[in-house]
Amino acid sequence: MPMTFERASKSSFPWPVHFCNDATAAGGAELAFGSGARYANFLYIFIATLIGGGVVLNGSLYPGRAGYAGAFGSILVPDALGSRPFQSLIRCAFPLYS
């Protein structure tokens, strides 16, 4: 079985290692360290170059069946001038993006 970054990371540290996208991680951090700790259920919305989020249900970060709960897809956020950074890169990665 080939060594992956995830397997190498998990075998290198004595504590649990988890991988997720930045928006889901931010939702988990809000649950653990922020105001989200007061709520059993919430949706965390993360706005950066793309829009994403994290879903918390019953006090736990909910990944969904495939790990994409809270993902809004490739919705680019325009900058102050209205341009969309990385638009050509996203078109290459996601050909159905319009």
PDB file of N, CA and C in Angstrom:
ATOM      1  N   MET A   1       0.854  -1.172   0.000  1.00  0.00           N
ATOM      2  CA  MET A   1       0.000   0.000   0.000  1.00  0.00           C
ATOM      3  C   MET A   1       0.907   1.245   0.000  1.00  0.00           C
ATOM      4  N   PRO A   2       0.695   2.181  -0.927  1.00  0.00           N
ATOM      5  CA  PRO A   2       1.571   3.354  -1.000  1.00  0.00           C
ATOM      6  C   PRO A   2       1.395   4.285   0.203  1.00  0.00           C
ATOM      7  N   MET A   3       2.482   4.932   0.571  1.00  0.00           N
ATOM      8  CA  MET A   3       2.442   5.877   1.685  1.00  0.00           C
ATOM      9  C   MET A   3       1.810   7.179   1.200  1.00  0.00           C
ATOM     10  N   THR A   4       0.750   7.611   1.857  1.00  0.00           N
ATOM     11  CA  THR A   4       0.105   8.877   1.527  1.00  0.00           C
ATOM     12  C   THR A   4       0.466   9.908   2.589  1.00  0.00           C
ATOM     13  N   PHE A   5       0.226  11.160   2.298  1.00  0.00           N
ATOM     14  CA  PHE A   5       0.485  12.224   3.270  1.00  0.00           C
ATOM     15  C   PHE A   5      -0.337  11.989   4.529  1.00  0.00           C
ATOM     16  N   GLU A   6      -1.586  11.583   4.346  1.00  0.00           N
ATOM     17  CA  GLU A   6      -2.447  11.339   5.503  1.00  0.00           C
ATOM     18  C   GLU A   6      -1.904  10.214   6.364  1.00  0.00           C
ATOM     19  N   ARG A   7      -1.524   9.093   5.768  1.00  0.00           N
ATOM     20  CA  ARG A   7      -0.996   7.960   6.529  1.00  0.00           C
ATOM     21  C   ARG A   7       0.317   8.329   7.213  1.00  0.00           C
ATOM     22  N   ALA A   8       1.185   9.050   6.492  1.00  0.00           N
ATOM     23  CA  ALA A   8       2.468   9.463   7.084  1.00  0.00           C
ATOM     24  C   ALA A   8       2.237  10.394   8.271  1.00  0.00           C
ATOM     25  N   SER A   9       1.295  11.314   8.158  1.00  0.00           N
ATOM     26  CA  SER A   9       1.006  12.246   9.252  1.00  0.00           C
ATOM     27  C   SER A   9       0.449  11.520  10.464  1.00  0.00           C
ATOM     28  N   LYS A  10      -0.465  10.609  10.218  1.00  0.00           N
ATOM     29  CA  LYS A  10      -1.083   9.885  11.327  1.00  0.00           C
ATOM     30  C   LYS A  10      -0.086   8.991  12.052  1.00  0.00           C
ATOM     31  N   SER A  11       0.895   8.457  11.328  1.00  0.00           N
ATOM     32  CA  SER A  11       1.880   7.594  11.987  1.00  0.00           C
ATOM     33  C   SER A  11       3.017   8.392  12.632  1.00  0.00           C
ATOM     34  N   SER A  12       3.085   9.691  12.366  1.00  0.00           N
ATOM     35  CA  SER A  12       4.184  10.516  12.888  1.00  0.00           C
ATOM     36  C   SER A  12       3.875  11.207  14.207  1.00  0.00           C
ATOM     37  N   PHE A  13       2.613  11.270  14.589  1.00  0.00           N
ATOM     38  CA  PHE A  13       2.225  12.019  15.787  1.00  0.00           C
ATOM     39  C   PHE A  13       1.511  11.115  16.774  1.00  0.00           C
ATOM     40  N   PRO A  14       1.699  11.359  18.078  1.00  0.00           N
ATOM     41  CA  PRO A  14       1.071  10.512  19.094  1.00  0.00           C
ATOM     42  C   PRO A  14      -0.400  10.856  19.352  1.00  0.00           C
ATOM     43  N   TRP A  15      -0.918  11.917  18.752  1.00  0.00           N
ATOM     44  CA  TRP A  15      -2.299  12.314  18.953  1.00  0.00           C
ATOM     45  C   TRP A  15      -3.080  12.110  17.658  1.00  0.00           C
ATOM     46  N   PRO A  16      -4.408  12.115  17.727  1.00  0.00           N
ATOM     47  CA  PRO A  16      -5.218  11.904  16.524  1.00  0.00           C
ATOM     48  C   PRO A  16      -4.980  13.003  15.484  1.00  0.00           C
ATOM     49  N   VAL A  17      -4.927  12.636  14.227  1.00  0.00           N
ATOM     50  CA  VAL A  17      -4.751  13.568  13.114  1.00  0.00           C
ATOM     51  C   VAL A  17      -5.966  13.430  12.209  1.00  0.00           C
ATOM     52  N   HIS A  18      -6.587  14.558  11.866  1.00  0.00           N
ATOM     53  CA  HIS A  18      -7.767  14.562  11.002  1.00  0.00           C
ATOM     54  C   HIS A  18      -7.535  15.531   9.855  1.00  0.00           C
ATOM     55  N   PHE A  19      -8.044  15.207   8.691  1.00  0.00           N
ATOM     56  CA  PHE A  19      -7.919  16.074   7.528  1.00  0.00           C
ATOM     57  C   PHE A  19      -9.302  16.515   7.070  1.00  0.00           C
ATOM     58  N   CYS A  20      -9.418  17.798   6.757  1.00  0.00           N
ATOM     59  CA  CYS A  20     -10.650  18.337   6.188  1.00  0.00           C
ATOM     60  C   CYS A  20     -10.295  19.656   5.510  1.00  0.00           C
ATOM     61  N   ASN A  21     -11.260  20.249   4.828  1.00  0.00           N
ATOM     62  CA  ASN A  21     -10.971  21.522   4.168  1.00  0.00           C
ATOM     63  C   ASN A  21     -10.974  22.674   5.176  1.00  0.00           C
ATOM     64  N   ASP A  22     -10.535  23.840   4.737  1.00  0.00           N
ATOM     65  CA  ASP A  22     -10.380  24.981   5.646  1.00  0.00           C
ATOM     66  C   ASP A  22     -11.695  25.439   6.259  1.00  0.00           C
ATOM     67  N   ALA A  23     -12.771  25.420   5.487  1.00  0.00           N
ATOM     68  CA  ALA A  23     -14.061  25.888   6.000  1.00  0.00           C
ATOM     69  C   ALA A  23     -14.609  24.936   7.060  1.00  0.00           C
ATOM     70  N   THR A  24     -14.473  23.642   6.835  1.00  0.00           N
ATOM     71  CA  THR A  24     -14.914  22.663   7.822  1.00  0.00           C
ATOM     72  C   THR A  24     -14.064  22.767   9.086  1.00  0.00           C
ATOM     73  N   ALA A  25     -12.762  22.951   8.918  1.00  0.00           N
ATOM     74  CA  ALA A  25     -11.870  23.107  10.071  1.00  0.00           C
ATOM     75  C   ALA A  25     -12.235  24.351  10.879  1.00  0.00           C
ATOM     76  N   ALA A  26     -12.589  25.435  10.191  1.00  0.00           N
ATOM     77  CA  ALA A  26     -12.986  26.658  10.895  1.00  0.00           C
ATOM     78  C   ALA A  26     -14.272  26.436  11.679  1.00  0.00           C
ATOM     79  N   GLY A  27     -15.205  25.676  11.117  1.00  0.00           N
ATOM     80  CA  GLY A  27     -16.433  25.341  11.850  1.00  0.00           C
ATOM     81  C   GLY A  27     -16.132  24.506  13.086  1.00  0.00           C
ATOM     82  N   GLY A  28     -15.194  23.574  12.965  1.00  0.00           N
ATOM     83  CA  GLY A  28     -14.788  22.767  14.119  1.00  0.00           C
ATOM     84  C   GLY A  28     -14.102  23.607  15.185  1.00  0.00           C
ATOM     85  N   ALA A  29     -13.295  24.568  14.758  1.00  0.00           N
ATOM     86  CA  ALA A  29     -12.629  25.465  15.714  1.00  0.00           C
ATOM     87  C   ALA A  29     -13.655  26.345  16.427  1.00  0.00           C
ATOM     88  N   GLU A  30     -14.670  26.789  15.692  1.00  0.00           N
ATOM     89  CA  GLU A  30     -15.732  27.595  16.316  1.00  0.00           C
ATOM     90  C   GLU A  30     -16.465  26.762  17.362  1.00  0.00           C
ATOM     91  N   LEU A  31     -16.684  25.498  17.079  1.00  0.00           N
ATOM     92  CA  LEU A  31     -17.328  24.598  18.035  1.00  0.00           C
ATOM     93  C   LEU A  31     -16.456  24.393  19.275  1.00  0.00           C
ATOM     94  N   ALA A  32     -15.159  24.182  19.065  1.00  0.00           N
ATOM     95  CA  ALA A  32     -14.262  23.867  20.182  1.00  0.00           C
ATOM     96  C   ALA A  32     -13.846  25.086  20.993  1.00  0.00           C
ATOM     97  N   PHE A  33     -13.611  26.222  20.314  1.00  0.00           N
ATOM     98  CA  PHE A  33     -13.008  27.367  21.006  1.00  0.00           C
ATOM     99  C   PHE A  33     -13.809  28.663  20.930  1.00  0.00           C
ATOM    100  N   GLY A  34     -14.835  28.715  20.112  1.00  0.00           N
ATOM    101  CA  GLY A  34     -15.555  29.976  19.893  1.00  0.00           C
ATOM    102  C   GLY A  34     -16.951  29.979  20.475  1.00  0.00           C
ATOM    103  N   SER A  35     -17.773  30.896  19.966  1.00  0.00           N
ATOM    104  CA  SER A  35     -19.142  31.020  20.449  1.00  0.00           C
ATOM    105  C   SER A  35     -20.004  29.818  20.121  1.00  0.00           C
ATOM    106  N   GLY A  36     -19.578  29.027  19.128  1.00  0.00           N
ATOM    107  CA  GLY A  36     -20.350  27.849  18.760  1.00  0.00           C
ATOM    108  C   GLY A  36     -20.438  26.818  19.865  1.00  0.00           C
ATOM    109  N   ALA A  37     -19.551  26.888  20.846  1.00  0.00           N
ATOM    110  CA  ALA A  37     -19.573  25.932  21.957  1.00  0.00           C
ATOM    111  C   ALA A  37     -20.875  26.018  22.747  1.00  0.00           C
ATOM    112  N   ARG A  38     -21.583  27.142  22.631  1.00  0.00           N
ATOM    113  CA  ARG A  38     -22.843  27.321  23.361  1.00  0.00           C
ATOM    114  C   ARG A  38     -24.033  26.659  22.677  1.00  0.00           C
ATOM    115  N   TYR A  39     -23.847  26.213  21.424  1.00  0.00           N
ATOM    116  CA  TYR A  39     -24.969  25.709  20.640  1.00  0.00           C
ATOM    117  C   TYR A  39     -24.754  24.250  20.254  1.00  0.00           C
ATOM    118  N   ALA A  40     -25.824  23.472  20.287  1.00  0.00           N
ATOM    119  CA  ALA A  40     -25.740  22.067  19.892  1.00  0.00           C
ATOM    120  C   ALA A  40     -25.771  21.924  18.372  1.00  0.00           C
ATOM    121  N   ASN A  41     -26.436  22.847  17.683  1.00  0.00           N
ATOM    122  CA  ASN A  41     -26.594  22.775  16.237  1.00  0.00           C
ATOM    123  C   ASN A  41     -26.352  24.154  15.623  1.00  0.00           C
ATOM    124  N   PHE A  42     -25.486  24.217  14.607  1.00  0.00           N
ATOM    125  CA  PHE A  42     -25.304  25.464  13.877  1.00  0.00           C
ATOM    126  C   PHE A  42     -24.613  25.219  12.548  1.00  0.00           C
ATOM    127  N   LEU A  43     -24.732  26.188  11.673  1.00  0.00           N
ATOM    128  CA  LEU A  43     -24.047  26.171  10.390  1.00  0.00           C
ATOM    129  C   LEU A  43     -23.019  27.292  10.412  1.00  0.00           C
ATOM    130  N   TYR A  44     -21.774  26.967  10.167  1.00  0.00           N
ATOM    131  CA  TYR A  44     -20.697  27.951  10.126  1.00  0.00           C
ATOM    132  C   TYR A  44     -20.434  28.279   8.660  1.00  0.00           C
ATOM    133  N   ILE A  45     -20.528  29.549   8.298  1.00  0.00           N
ATOM    134  CA  ILE A  45     -20.283  29.968   6.914  1.00  0.00           C
ATOM    135  C   ILE A  45     -18.933  30.652   6.847  1.00  0.00           C
ATOM    136  N   PHE A  46     -18.095  30.183   5.936  1.00  0.00           N
ATOM    137  CA  PHE A  46     -16.713  30.641   5.771  1.00  0.00           C
ATOM    138  C   PHE A  46     -16.598  31.311   4.404  1.00  0.00           C
ATOM    139  N   ILE A  47     -16.262  32.612   4.399  1.00  0.00           N
ATOM    140  CA  ILE A  47     -16.139  33.356   3.144  1.00  0.00           C
ATOM    141  C   ILE A  47     -14.696  33.789   2.970  1.00  0.00           C
ATOM    142  N   ALA A  48     -14.052  33.284   1.931  1.00  0.00           N
ATOM    143  CA  ALA A  48     -12.678  33.654   1.573  1.00  0.00           C
ATOM    144  C   ALA A  48     -12.664  33.794   0.054  1.00  0.00           C
ATOM    145  N   THR A  49     -11.730  33.176  -0.646  1.00  0.00           N
ATOM    146  CA  THR A  49     -11.760  33.183  -2.102  1.00  0.00           C
ATOM    147  C   THR A  49     -12.967  32.402  -2.590  1.00  0.00           C
ATOM    148  N   LEU A  50     -13.287  31.309  -1.906  1.00  0.00           N
ATOM    149  CA  LEU A  50     -14.484  30.521  -2.180  1.00  0.00           C
ATOM    150  C   LEU A  50     -15.361  30.542  -0.929  1.00  0.00           C
ATOM    151  N   ILE A  51     -16.606  30.109  -1.061  1.00  0.00           N
ATOM    152  CA  ILE A  51     -17.523  30.054   0.072  1.00  0.00           C
ATOM    153  C   ILE A  51     -17.684  28.601   0.489  1.00  0.00           C
ATOM    154  N   GLY A  52     -17.587  28.354   1.769  1.00  0.00           N
ATOM    155  CA  GLY A  52     -17.763  27.008   2.298  1.00  0.00           C
ATOM    156  C   GLY A  52     -18.371  27.084   3.680  1.00  0.00           C
ATOM    157  N   GLY A  53     -18.332  26.000   4.394  1.00  0.00           N
ATOM    158  CA  GLY A  53     -18.898  26.024   5.731  1.00  0.00           C
ATOM    159  C   GLY A  53     -18.694  24.717   6.464  1.00  0.00           C
ATOM    160  N   GLY A  54     -19.183  24.708   7.674  1.00  0.00           N
ATOM    161  CA  GLY A  54     -19.143  23.522   8.512  1.00  0.00           C
ATOM    162  C   GLY A  54     -20.500  23.349   9.170  1.00  0.00           C
ATOM    163  N   VAL A  55     -20.930  22.121   9.326  1.00  0.00           N
ATOM    164  CA  VAL A  55     -22.218  21.819   9.935  1.00  0.00           C
ATOM    165  C   VAL A  55     -21.976  21.144  11.275  1.00  0.00           C
ATOM    166  N   VAL A  56     -22.603  21.663  12.320  1.00  0.00           N
ATOM    167  CA  VAL A  56     -22.524  21.053  13.651  1.00  0.00           C
ATOM    168  C   VAL A  56     -23.919  20.569  14.022  1.00  0.00           C
ATOM    169  N   LEU A  57     -24.008  19.281  14.321  1.00  0.00           N
ATOM    170  CA  LEU A  57     -25.267  18.669  14.732  1.00  0.00           C
ATOM    171  C   LEU A  57     -25.049  17.931  16.045  1.00  0.00           C
ATOM    172  N   ASN A  58     -25.923  18.168  16.988  1.00  0.00           N
ATOM    173  CA  ASN A  58     -25.845  17.515  18.303  1.00  0.00           C
ATOM    174  C   ASN A  58     -24.477  17.670  18.947  1.00  0.00           C
ATOM    175  N   GLY A  59     -23.873  18.838  18.796  1.00  0.00           N
ATOM    176  CA  GLY A  59     -22.600  19.134  19.444  1.00  0.00           C
ATOM    177  C   GLY A  59     -21.380  18.528  18.791  1.00  0.00           C
ATOM    178  N   SER A  60     -21.524  17.971  17.573  1.00  0.00           N
ATOM    179  CA  SER A  60     -20.383  17.373  16.867  1.00  0.00           C
ATOM    180  C   SER A  60     -20.305  17.903  15.445  1.00  0.00           C
ATOM    181  N   LEU A  61     -19.084  18.048  14.971  1.00  0.00           N
ATOM    182  CA  LEU A  61     -18.885  18.454  13.585  1.00  0.00           C
ATOM    183  C   LEU A  61     -19.379  17.331  12.689  1.00  0.00           C
ATOM    184  N   TYR A  62     -20.318  17.641  11.807  1.00  0.00           N
ATOM    185  CA  TYR A  62     -20.937  16.630  10.950  1.00  0.00           C
ATOM    186  C   TYR A  62     -20.272  16.644   9.579  1.00  0.00           C
ATOM    187  N   PRO A  63     -19.580  15.560   9.203  1.00  0.00           N
ATOM    188  CA  PRO A  63     -18.893  15.547   7.916  1.00  0.00           C
ATOM    189  C   PRO A  63     -19.798  15.196   6.745  1.00  0.00           C
ATOM    190  N   GLY A  64     -20.937  14.586   7.002  1.00  0.00           N
ATOM    191  CA  GLY A  64     -21.777  14.103   5.912  1.00  0.00           C
ATOM    192  C   GLY A  64     -21.277  12.760   5.422  1.00  0.00           C
ATOM    193  N   ARG A  65     -22.028  12.128   4.559  1.00  0.00           N
ATOM    194  CA  ARG A  65     -21.680  10.785   4.088  1.00  0.00           C
ATOM    195  C   ARG A  65     -20.341  10.743   3.378  1.00  0.00           C
ATOM    196  N   ALA A  66     -20.042  11.774   2.565  1.00  0.00           N
ATOM    197  CA  ALA A  66     -18.793  11.789   1.789  1.00  0.00           C
ATOM    198  C   ALA A  66     -17.789  12.813   2.314  1.00  0.00           C
ATOM    199  N   GLY A  67     -18.085  13.461   3.440  1.00  0.00           N
ATOM    200  CA  GLY A  67     -17.154  14.438   4.001  1.00  0.00           C
ATOM    201  C   GLY A  67     -17.328  15.851   3.490  1.00  0.00           C
ATOM    202  N   TYR A  68     -18.446  16.123   2.797  1.00  0.00           N
ATOM    203  CA  TYR A  68     -18.628  17.448   2.199  1.00  0.00           C
ATOM    204  C   TYR A  68     -19.802  18.222   2.784  1.00  0.00           C
ATOM    205  N   ALA A  69     -20.299  17.848   3.950  1.00  0.00           N
ATOM    206  CA  ALA A  69     -21.402  18.594   4.547  1.00  0.00           C
ATOM    207  C   ALA A  69     -20.968  20.032   4.773  1.00  0.00           C
ATOM    208  N   GLY A  70     -21.783  20.965   4.423  1.00  0.00           N
ATOM    209  CA  GLY A  70     -21.451  22.382   4.573  1.00  0.00           C
ATOM    210  C   GLY A  70     -20.742  22.962   3.373  1.00  0.00           C
ATOM    211  N   ALA A  71     -20.364  22.149   2.404  1.00  0.00           N
ATOM    212  CA  ALA A  71     -19.689  22.658   1.207  1.00  0.00           C
ATOM    213  C   ALA A  71     -20.726  23.267   0.264  1.00  0.00           C
ATOM    214  N   PHE A  72     -20.468  24.475  -0.172  1.00  0.00           N
ATOM    215  CA  PHE A  72     -21.389  25.154  -1.072  1.00  0.00           C
ATOM    216  C   PHE A  72     -20.948  25.037  -2.515  1.00  0.00           C
ATOM    217  N   GLY A  73     -19.841  24.390  -2.753  1.00  0.00           N
ATOM    218  CA  GLY A  73     -19.325  24.270  -4.113  1.00  0.00           C
ATOM    219  C   GLY A  73     -18.370  25.398  -4.427  1.00  0.00           C
ATOM    220  N   SER A  74     -18.072  25.551  -5.675  1.00  0.00           N
ATOM    221  CA  SER A  74     -17.084  26.544  -6.108  1.00  0.00           C
ATOM    222  C   SER A  74     -17.732  27.885  -6.389  1.00  0.00           C
ATOM    223  N   ILE A  75     -18.141  28.568  -5.348  1.00  0.00           N
ATOM    224  CA  ILE A  75     -18.726  29.892  -5.485  1.00  0.00           C
ATOM    225  C   ILE A  75     -17.621  30.894  -5.198  1.00  0.00           C
ATOM    226  N   LEU A  76     -17.155  31.574  -6.245  1.00  0.00           N
ATOM    227  CA  LEU A  76     -16.066  32.535  -6.073  1.00  0.00           C
ATOM    228  C   LEU A  76     -16.583  33.836  -5.486  1.00  0.00           C
ATOM    229  N   VAL A  77     -15.812  34.428  -4.610  1.00  0.00           N
ATOM    230  CA  VAL A  77     -16.152  35.699  -3.995  1.00  0.00           C
ATOM    231  C   VAL A  77     -15.424  36.801  -4.755  1.00  0.00           C
ATOM    232  N   PRO A  78     -16.154  37.765  -5.349  1.00  0.00           N
ATOM    233  CA  PRO A  78     -15.475  38.840  -6.080  1.00  0.00           C
ATOM    234  C   PRO A  78     -14.726  39.771  -5.127  1.00  0.00           C
ATOM    235  N   ASP A  79     -13.656  40.381  -5.634  1.00  0.00           N
ATOM    236  CA  ASP A  79     -12.932  41.354  -4.812  1.00  0.00           C
ATOM    237  C   ASP A  79     -13.647  42.703  -4.879  1.00  0.00           C
ATOM    238  N   ALA A  80     -13.073  43.741  -4.290  1.00  0.00           N
ATOM    239  CA  ALA A  80     -13.702  45.055  -4.210  1.00  0.00           C
ATOM    240  C   ALA A  80     -13.974  45.666  -5.583  1.00  0.00           C
ATOM    241  N   LEU A  81     -13.205  45.275  -6.598  1.00  0.00           N
ATOM    242  CA  LEU A  81     -13.395  45.808  -7.944  1.00  0.00           C
ATOM    243  C   LEU A  81     -14.342  44.957  -8.778  1.00  0.00           C
ATOM    244  N   GLY A  82     -14.844  43.890  -8.200  1.00  0.00           N
ATOM    245  CA  GLY A  82     -15.780  43.039  -8.898  1.00  0.00           C
ATOM    246  C   GLY A  82     -15.141  41.918  -9.700  1.00  0.00           C
ATOM    247  N   SER A  83     -13.815  41.835  -9.696  1.00  0.00           N
ATOM    248  CA  SER A  83     -13.180  40.755 -10.440  1.00  0.00           C
ATOM    249  C   SER A  83     -13.176  39.483  -9.599  1.00  0.00           C
ATOM    250  N   ARG A  84     -13.045  38.359 -10.271  1.00  0.00           N
ATOM    251  CA  ARG A  84     -13.033  37.082  -9.569  1.00  0.00           C
ATOM    252  C   ARG A  84     -11.643  36.469  -9.695  1.00  0.00           C
ATOM    253  N   PRO A  85     -10.867  36.469  -8.617  1.00  0.00           N
ATOM    254  CA  PRO A  85      -9.531  35.886  -8.683  1.00  0.00           C
ATOM    255  C   PRO A  85      -9.595  34.385  -8.920  1.00  0.00           C
ATOM    256  N   PHE A  86      -8.614  33.878  -9.570  1.00  0.00           N
ATOM    257  CA  PHE A  86      -8.476  32.445  -9.815  1.00  0.00           C
ATOM    258  C   PHE A  86      -9.564  31.859 -10.712  1.00  0.00           C
ATOM    259  N   GLN A  87     -10.314  32.703 -11.442  1.00  0.00           N
ATOM    260  CA  GLN A  87     -11.409  32.194 -12.255  1.00  0.00           C
ATOM    261  C   GLN A  87     -10.908  31.202 -13.302  1.00  0.00           C
ATOM    262  N   SER A  88      -9.794  31.502 -13.947  1.00  0.00           N
ATOM    263  CA  SER A  88      -9.303  30.581 -14.968  1.00  0.00           C
ATOM    264  C   SER A  88      -8.826  29.275 -14.340  1.00  0.00           C
ATOM    265  N   LEU A  89      -8.239  29.346 -13.147  1.00  0.00           N
ATOM    266  CA  LEU A  89      -7.801  28.140 -12.456  1.00  0.00           C
ATOM    267  C   LEU A  89      -8.998  27.265 -12.106  1.00  0.00           C
ATOM    268  N   ILE A  90     -10.066  27.883 -11.613  1.00  0.00           N
ATOM    269  CA  ILE A  90     -11.260  27.131 -11.242  1.00  0.00           C
ATOM    270  C   ILE A  90     -11.883  26.503 -12.488  1.00  0.00           C
ATOM    271  N   ARG A  91     -11.892  27.207 -13.612  1.00  0.00           N
ATOM    272  CA  ARG A  91     -12.449  26.635 -14.841  1.00  0.00           C
ATOM    273  C   ARG A  91     -11.670  25.404 -15.266  1.00  0.00           C
ATOM    274  N   CYS A  92     -10.352  25.413 -15.048  1.00  0.00           N
ATOM    275  CA  CYS A  92      -9.554  24.230 -15.387  1.00  0.00           C
ATOM    276  C   CYS A  92      -9.885  23.071 -14.472  1.00  0.00           C
ATOM    277  N   ALA A  93     -10.041  23.374 -13.192  1.00  0.00           N
ATOM    278  CA  ALA A  93     -10.288  22.318 -12.210  1.00  0.00           C
ATOM    279  C   ALA A  93     -11.732  21.816 -12.279  1.00  0.00           C
ATOM    280  N   PHE A  94     -12.664  22.696 -12.578  1.00  0.00           N
ATOM    281  CA  PHE A  94     -14.079  22.346 -12.615  1.00  0.00           C
ATOM    282  C   PHE A  94     -14.667  22.780 -13.956  1.00  0.00           C
ATOM    283  N   PRO A  95     -14.592  21.947 -14.977  1.00  0.00           N
ATOM    284  CA  PRO A  95     -15.009  22.356 -16.316  1.00  0.00           C
ATOM    285  C   PRO A  95     -16.474  22.790 -16.429  1.00  0.00           C
ATOM    286  N   LEU A  96     -17.340  22.351 -15.519  1.00  0.00           N
ATOM    287  CA  LEU A  96     -18.745  22.725 -15.611  1.00  0.00           C
ATOM    288  C   LEU A  96     -19.036  24.082 -14.984  1.00  0.00           C
ATOM    289  N   TYR A  97     -18.046  24.696 -14.370  1.00  0.00           N
ATOM    290  CA  TYR A  97     -18.216  26.023 -13.757  1.00  0.00           C
ATOM    291  C   TYR A  97     -18.510  27.046 -14.848  1.00  0.00           C
ATOM    292  N   SER A  98     -19.464  27.907 -14.612  1.00  0.00           N
ATOM    293  CA  SER A  98     -19.748  28.946 -15.624  1.00  0.00           C
ATOM    294  C   SER A  98     -19.775  30.315 -15.004  1.00  0.00           C
TER     295      SER A  98
END
